[in-house]
Amino acid sequence: MLKASTYINEVIREIKKVTWPSKKQTQDMTLLVIGVSLVVGLYIVLLDFIFQKLMTGIL
């Protein structure tokens, strides 16, 4: 079983190896996620509207 201090030192060593994204990359990816979410949301709303009209017409 590892000591707590050994574990923490290993975690710190691994975190230093991480390549963190730049501020610009973070902003770009955030905008991409928001954009894709909006497109998918609109697609779902459109399908829901179409199916609702079809079901109303059938019933």
PDB file of N, CA and C in Angstrom:
ATOM      1  N   MET A   1       0.844  -1.183   0.000  1.00  0.00           N
ATOM      2  CA  MET A   1       0.000   0.000   0.000  1.00  0.00           C
ATOM      3  C   MET A   1       0.885   1.240   0.000  1.00  0.00           C
ATOM      4  N   LEU A   2       0.561   2.207  -0.877  1.00  0.00           N
ATOM      5  CA  LEU A   2       1.367   3.416  -0.979  1.00  0.00           C
ATOM      6  C   LEU A   2       1.063   4.377   0.162  1.00  0.00           C
ATOM      7  N   LYS A   3       2.109   5.076   0.570  1.00  0.00           N
ATOM      8  CA  LYS A   3       1.902   6.130   1.542  1.00  0.00           C
ATOM      9  C   LYS A   3       1.195   7.289   0.856  1.00  0.00           C
ATOM     10  N   ALA A   4       0.502   8.072   1.626  1.00  0.00           N
ATOM     11  CA  ALA A   4      -0.216   9.220   1.072  1.00  0.00           C
ATOM     12  C   ALA A   4       0.741  10.198   0.408  1.00  0.00           C
ATOM     13  N   SER A   5       1.907  10.439   1.018  1.00  0.00           N
ATOM     14  CA  SER A   5       2.870  11.392   0.447  1.00  0.00           C
ATOM     15  C   SER A   5       3.423  10.884  -0.879  1.00  0.00           C
ATOM     16  N   THR A   6       3.657   9.585  -0.987  1.00  0.00           N
ATOM     17  CA  THR A   6       4.139   9.011  -2.245  1.00  0.00           C
ATOM     18  C   THR A   6       3.084   9.157  -3.329  1.00  0.00           C
ATOM     19  N   TYR A   7       1.849   8.892  -2.980  1.00  0.00           N
ATOM     20  CA  TYR A   7       0.743   9.022  -3.929  1.00  0.00           C
ATOM     21  C   TYR A   7       0.622  10.458  -4.431  1.00  0.00           C
ATOM     22  N   ILE A   8       0.657  11.410  -3.505  1.00  0.00           N
ATOM     23  CA  ILE A   8       0.529  12.821  -3.882  1.00  0.00           C
ATOM     24  C   ILE A   8       1.688  13.256  -4.767  1.00  0.00           C
ATOM     25  N   ASN A   9       2.885  12.807  -4.451  1.00  0.00           N
ATOM     26  CA  ASN A   9       4.051  13.155  -5.279  1.00  0.00           C
ATOM     27  C   ASN A   9       3.912  12.582  -6.688  1.00  0.00           C
ATOM     28  N   GLU A  10       3.404  11.374  -6.812  1.00  0.00           N
ATOM     29  CA  GLU A  10       3.194  10.777  -8.133  1.00  0.00           C
ATOM     30  C   GLU A  10       2.114  11.520  -8.908  1.00  0.00           C
ATOM     31  N   VAL A  11       1.060  11.948  -8.226  1.00  0.00           N
ATOM     32  CA  VAL A  11      -0.003  12.717  -8.877  1.00  0.00           C
ATOM     33  C   VAL A  11       0.560  14.036  -9.396  1.00  0.00           C
ATOM     34  N   ILE A  12       1.335  14.723  -8.602  1.00  0.00           N
ATOM     35  CA  ILE A  12       1.936  15.999  -9.014  1.00  0.00           C
ATOM     36  C   ILE A  12       2.851  15.787 -10.213  1.00  0.00           C
ATOM     37  N   ARG A  13       3.632  14.728 -10.197  1.00  0.00           N
ATOM     38  CA  ARG A  13       4.537  14.422 -11.314  1.00  0.00           C
ATOM     39  C   ARG A  13       3.734  14.171 -12.598  1.00  0.00           C
ATOM     40  N   GLU A  14       2.627  13.463 -12.497  1.00  0.00           N
ATOM     41  CA  GLU A  14       1.798  13.193 -13.680  1.00  0.00           C
ATOM     42  C   GLU A  14       1.104  14.453 -14.187  1.00  0.00           C
ATOM     43  N   ILE A  15       0.635  15.295 -13.275  1.00  0.00           N
ATOM     44  CA  ILE A  15      -0.044  16.529 -13.682  1.00  0.00           C
ATOM     45  C   ILE A  15       0.912  17.443 -14.439  1.00  0.00           C
ATOM     46  N   LYS A  16       2.186  17.444 -14.076  1.00  0.00           N
ATOM     47  CA  LYS A  16       3.171  18.266 -14.783  1.00  0.00           C
ATOM     48  C   LYS A  16       3.378  17.798 -16.218  1.00  0.00           C
ATOM     49  N   LYS A  17       3.049  16.545 -16.522  1.00  0.00           N
ATOM     50  CA  LYS A  17       3.207  16.007 -17.881  1.00  0.00           C
ATOM     51  C   LYS A  17       2.052  16.391 -18.795  1.00  0.00           C
ATOM     52  N   VAL A  18       0.945  16.852 -18.217  1.00  0.00           N
ATOM     53  CA  VAL A  18      -0.254  17.166 -18.988  1.00  0.00           C
ATOM     54  C   VAL A  18      -0.007  18.399 -19.846  1.00  0.00           C
ATOM     55  N   THR A  19      -0.451  18.331 -21.109  1.00  0.00           N
ATOM     56  CA  THR A  19      -0.392  19.484 -21.988  1.00  0.00           C
ATOM     57  C   THR A  19      -1.746  20.175 -21.923  1.00  0.00           C
ATOM     58  N   TRP A  20      -1.797  21.315 -21.264  1.00  0.00           N
ATOM     59  CA  TRP A  20      -3.041  22.026 -21.076  1.00  0.00           C
ATOM     60  C   TRP A  20      -3.347  22.852 -22.311  1.00  0.00           C
ATOM     61  N   PRO A  21      -4.621  22.963 -22.702  1.00  0.00           N
ATOM     62  CA  PRO A  21      -4.968  23.769 -23.880  1.00  0.00           C
ATOM     63  C   PRO A  21      -4.782  25.257 -23.591  1.00  0.00           C
ATOM     64  N   SER A  22      -4.511  26.002 -24.651  1.00  0.00           N
ATOM     65  CA  SER A  22      -4.377  27.446 -24.498  1.00  0.00           C
ATOM     66  C   SER A  22      -5.757  28.070 -24.285  1.00  0.00           C
ATOM     67  N   LYS A  23      -5.759  29.350 -23.922  1.00  0.00           N
ATOM     68  CA  LYS A  23      -7.030  30.047 -23.713  1.00  0.00           C
ATOM     69  C   LYS A  23      -7.817  30.083 -25.023  1.00  0.00           C
ATOM     70  N   LYS A  24      -7.138  30.316 -26.141  1.00  0.00           N
ATOM     71  CA  LYS A  24      -7.788  30.376 -27.447  1.00  0.00           C
ATOM     72  C   LYS A  24      -8.398  29.014 -27.801  1.00  0.00           C
ATOM     73  N   GLN A  25      -7.665  27.933 -27.574  1.00  0.00           N
ATOM     74  CA  GLN A  25      -8.189  26.592 -27.856  1.00  0.00           C
ATOM     75  C   GLN A  25      -9.419  26.301 -27.001  1.00  0.00           C
ATOM     76  N   THR A  26      -9.374  26.693 -25.736  1.00  0.00           N
ATOM     77  CA  THR A  26     -10.499  26.472 -24.832  1.00  0.00           C
ATOM     78  C   THR A  26     -11.727  27.240 -25.302  1.00  0.00           C
ATOM     79  N   GLN A  27     -11.527  28.497 -25.708  1.00  0.00           N
ATOM     80  CA  GLN A  27     -12.648  29.301 -26.211  1.00  0.00           C
ATOM     81  C   GLN A  27     -13.211  28.700 -27.494  1.00  0.00           C
ATOM     82  N   ASP A  28     -12.331  28.279 -28.406  1.00  0.00           N
ATOM     83  CA  ASP A  28     -12.783  27.702 -29.675  1.00  0.00           C
ATOM     84  C   ASP A  28     -13.588  26.426 -29.444  1.00  0.00           C
ATOM     85  N   MET A  29     -13.098  25.559 -28.591  1.00  0.00           N
ATOM     86  CA  MET A  29     -13.803  24.306 -28.331  1.00  0.00           C
ATOM     87  C   MET A  29     -15.122  24.552 -27.607  1.00  0.00           C
ATOM     88  N   THR A  30     -15.159  25.548 -26.721  1.00  0.00           N
ATOM     89  CA  THR A  30     -16.402  25.892 -26.026  1.00  0.00           C
ATOM     90  C   THR A  30     -17.449  26.371 -27.024  1.00  0.00           C
ATOM     91  N   LEU A  31     -17.036  27.254 -27.932  1.00  0.00           N
ATOM     92  CA  LEU A  31     -17.964  27.749 -28.948  1.00  0.00           C
ATOM     93  C   LEU A  31     -18.429  26.617 -29.863  1.00  0.00           C
ATOM     94  N   LEU A  32     -17.540  25.693 -30.186  1.00  0.00           N
ATOM     95  CA  LEU A  32     -17.913  24.550 -31.015  1.00  0.00           C
ATOM     96  C   LEU A  32     -18.966  23.695 -30.312  1.00  0.00           C
ATOM     97  N   VAL A  33     -18.762  23.424 -29.035  1.00  0.00           N
ATOM     98  CA  VAL A  33     -19.723  22.613 -28.278  1.00  0.00           C
ATOM     99  C   VAL A  33     -21.076  23.321 -28.204  1.00  0.00           C
ATOM    100  N   ILE A  34     -21.063  24.628 -27.956  1.00  0.00           N
ATOM    101  CA  ILE A  34     -22.319  25.375 -27.896  1.00  0.00           C
ATOM    102  C   ILE A  34     -23.017  25.342 -29.252  1.00  0.00           C
ATOM    103  N   GLY A  35     -22.249  25.546 -30.331  1.00  0.00           N
ATOM    104  CA  GLY A  35     -22.826  25.536 -31.676  1.00  0.00           C
ATOM    105  C   GLY A  35     -23.429  24.196 -32.039  1.00  0.00           C
ATOM    106  N   VAL A  36     -22.689  23.118 -31.792  1.00  0.00           N
ATOM    107  CA  VAL A  36     -23.194  21.781 -32.106  1.00  0.00           C
ATOM    108  C   VAL A  36     -24.422  21.469 -31.260  1.00  0.00           C
ATOM    109  N   SER A  37     -24.402  21.877 -29.995  1.00  0.00           N
ATOM    110  CA  SER A  37     -25.558  21.642 -29.121  1.00  0.00           C
ATOM    111  C   SER A  37     -26.802  22.360 -29.645  1.00  0.00           C
ATOM    112  N   LEU A  38     -26.625  23.595 -30.110  1.00  0.00           N
ATOM    113  CA  LEU A  38     -27.756  24.335 -30.666  1.00  0.00           C
ATOM    114  C   LEU A  38     -28.298  23.665 -31.924  1.00  0.00           C
ATOM    115  N   VAL A  39     -27.402  23.218 -32.808  1.00  0.00           N
ATOM    116  CA  VAL A  39     -27.829  22.565 -34.048  1.00  0.00           C
ATOM    117  C   VAL A  39     -28.590  21.277 -33.733  1.00  0.00           C
ATOM    118  N   VAL A  40     -28.049  20.467 -32.837  1.00  0.00           N
ATOM    119  CA  VAL A  40     -28.717  19.217 -32.471  1.00  0.00           C
ATOM    120  C   VAL A  40     -30.056  19.512 -31.795  1.00  0.00           C
ATOM    121  N   GLY A  41     -30.097  20.523 -30.933  1.00  0.00           N
ATOM    122  CA  GLY A  41     -31.346  20.895 -30.281  1.00  0.00           C
ATOM    123  C   GLY A  41     -32.404  21.322 -31.286  1.00  0.00           C
ATOM    124  N   LEU A  42     -32.013  22.135 -32.260  1.00  0.00           N
ATOM    125  CA  LEU A  42     -32.957  22.560 -33.298  1.00  0.00           C
ATOM    126  C   LEU A  42     -33.435  21.378 -34.132  1.00  0.00           C
ATOM    127  N   TYR A  43     -32.542  20.448 -34.423  1.00  0.00           N
ATOM    128  CA  TYR A  43     -32.896  19.244 -35.179  1.00  0.00           C
ATOM    129  C   TYR A  43     -33.946  18.433 -34.423  1.00  0.00           C
ATOM    130  N   ILE A  44     -33.737  18.273 -33.124  1.00  0.00           N
ATOM    131  CA  ILE A  44     -34.687  17.510 -32.306  1.00  0.00           C
ATOM    132  C   ILE A  44     -36.040  18.225 -32.240  1.00  0.00           C
ATOM    133  N   VAL A  45     -36.022  19.549 -32.085  1.00  0.00           N
ATOM    134  CA  VAL A  45     -37.271  20.317 -32.057  1.00  0.00           C
ATOM    135  C   VAL A  45     -38.006  20.158 -33.380  1.00  0.00           C
ATOM    136  N   LEU A  46     -37.278  20.213 -34.490  1.00  0.00           N
ATOM    137  CA  LEU A  46     -37.895  20.059 -35.814  1.00  0.00           C
ATOM    138  C   LEU A  46     -38.527  18.671 -35.966  1.00  0.00           C
ATOM    139  N   LEU A  47     -37.786  17.629 -35.579  1.00  0.00           N
ATOM    140  CA  LEU A  47     -38.344  16.274 -35.658  1.00  0.00           C
ATOM    141  C   LEU A  47     -39.572  16.130 -34.769  1.00  0.00           C
ATOM    142  N   ASP A  48     -39.522  16.694 -33.577  1.00  0.00           N
ATOM    143  CA  ASP A  48     -40.658  16.625 -32.661  1.00  0.00           C
ATOM    144  C   ASP A  48     -41.879  17.308 -33.285  1.00  0.00           C
ATOM    145  N   PHE A  49     -41.674  18.458 -33.902  1.00  0.00           N
ATOM    146  CA  PHE A  49     -42.770  19.182 -34.544  1.00  0.00           C
ATOM    147  C   PHE A  49     -43.364  18.356 -35.687  1.00  0.00           C
ATOM    148  N   ILE A  50     -42.485  17.764 -36.499  1.00  0.00           N
ATOM    149  CA  ILE A  50     -42.958  16.951 -37.630  1.00  0.00           C
ATOM    150  C   ILE A  50     -43.759  15.748 -37.139  1.00  0.00           C
ATOM    151  N   PHE A  51     -43.221  15.025 -36.162  1.00  0.00           N
ATOM    152  CA  PHE A  51     -43.926  13.843 -35.649  1.00  0.00           C
ATOM    153  C   PHE A  51     -45.228  14.218 -34.955  1.00  0.00           C
ATOM    154  N   GLN A  52     -45.240  15.366 -34.290  1.00  0.00           N
ATOM    155  CA  GLN A  52     -46.467  15.818 -33.642  1.00  0.00           C
ATOM    156  C   GLN A  52     -47.546  16.080 -34.698  1.00  0.00           C
ATOM    157  N   LYS A  53     -47.180  16.737 -35.783  1.00  0.00           N
ATOM    158  CA  LYS A  53     -48.152  17.005 -36.859  1.00  0.00           C
ATOM    159  C   LYS A  53     -48.616  15.698 -37.512  1.00  0.00           C
ATOM    160  N   LEU A  54     -47.691  14.755 -37.692  1.00  0.00           N
ATOM    161  CA  LEU A  54     -48.080  13.460 -38.281  1.00  0.00           C
ATOM    162  C   LEU A  54     -49.051  12.724 -37.367  1.00  0.00           C
ATOM    163  N   MET A  55     -48.779  12.713 -36.090  1.00  0.00           N
ATOM    164  CA  MET A  55     -49.656  12.004 -35.152  1.00  0.00           C
ATOM    165  C   MET A  55     -51.014  12.688 -35.049  1.00  0.00           C
ATOM    166  N   THR A  56     -51.029  14.000 -35.084  1.00  0.00           N
ATOM    167  CA  THR A  56     -52.299  14.743 -35.061  1.00  0.00           C
ATOM    168  C   THR A  56     -53.118  14.402 -36.301  1.00  0.00           C
ATOM    169  N   GLY A  57     -52.452  14.303 -37.440  1.00  0.00           N
ATOM    170  CA  GLY A  57     -53.135  13.963 -38.678  1.00  0.00           C
ATOM    171  C   GLY A  57     -53.675  12.535 -38.694  1.00  0.00           C
ATOM    172  N   ILE A  58     -52.933  11.625 -38.077  1.00  0.00           N
ATOM    173  CA  ILE A  58     -53.345  10.221 -38.034  1.00  0.00           C
ATOM    174  C   ILE A  58     -54.517  10.034 -37.075  1.00  0.00           C
ATOM    175  N   LEU A  59     -54.427  10.671 -35.932  1.00  0.00           N
ATOM    176  CA  LEU A  59     -55.480  10.513 -34.915  1.00  0.00           C
ATOM    177  C   LEU A  59     -56.601  11.470 -35.210  1.00  0.00           C
TER     178      LEU A  59
END
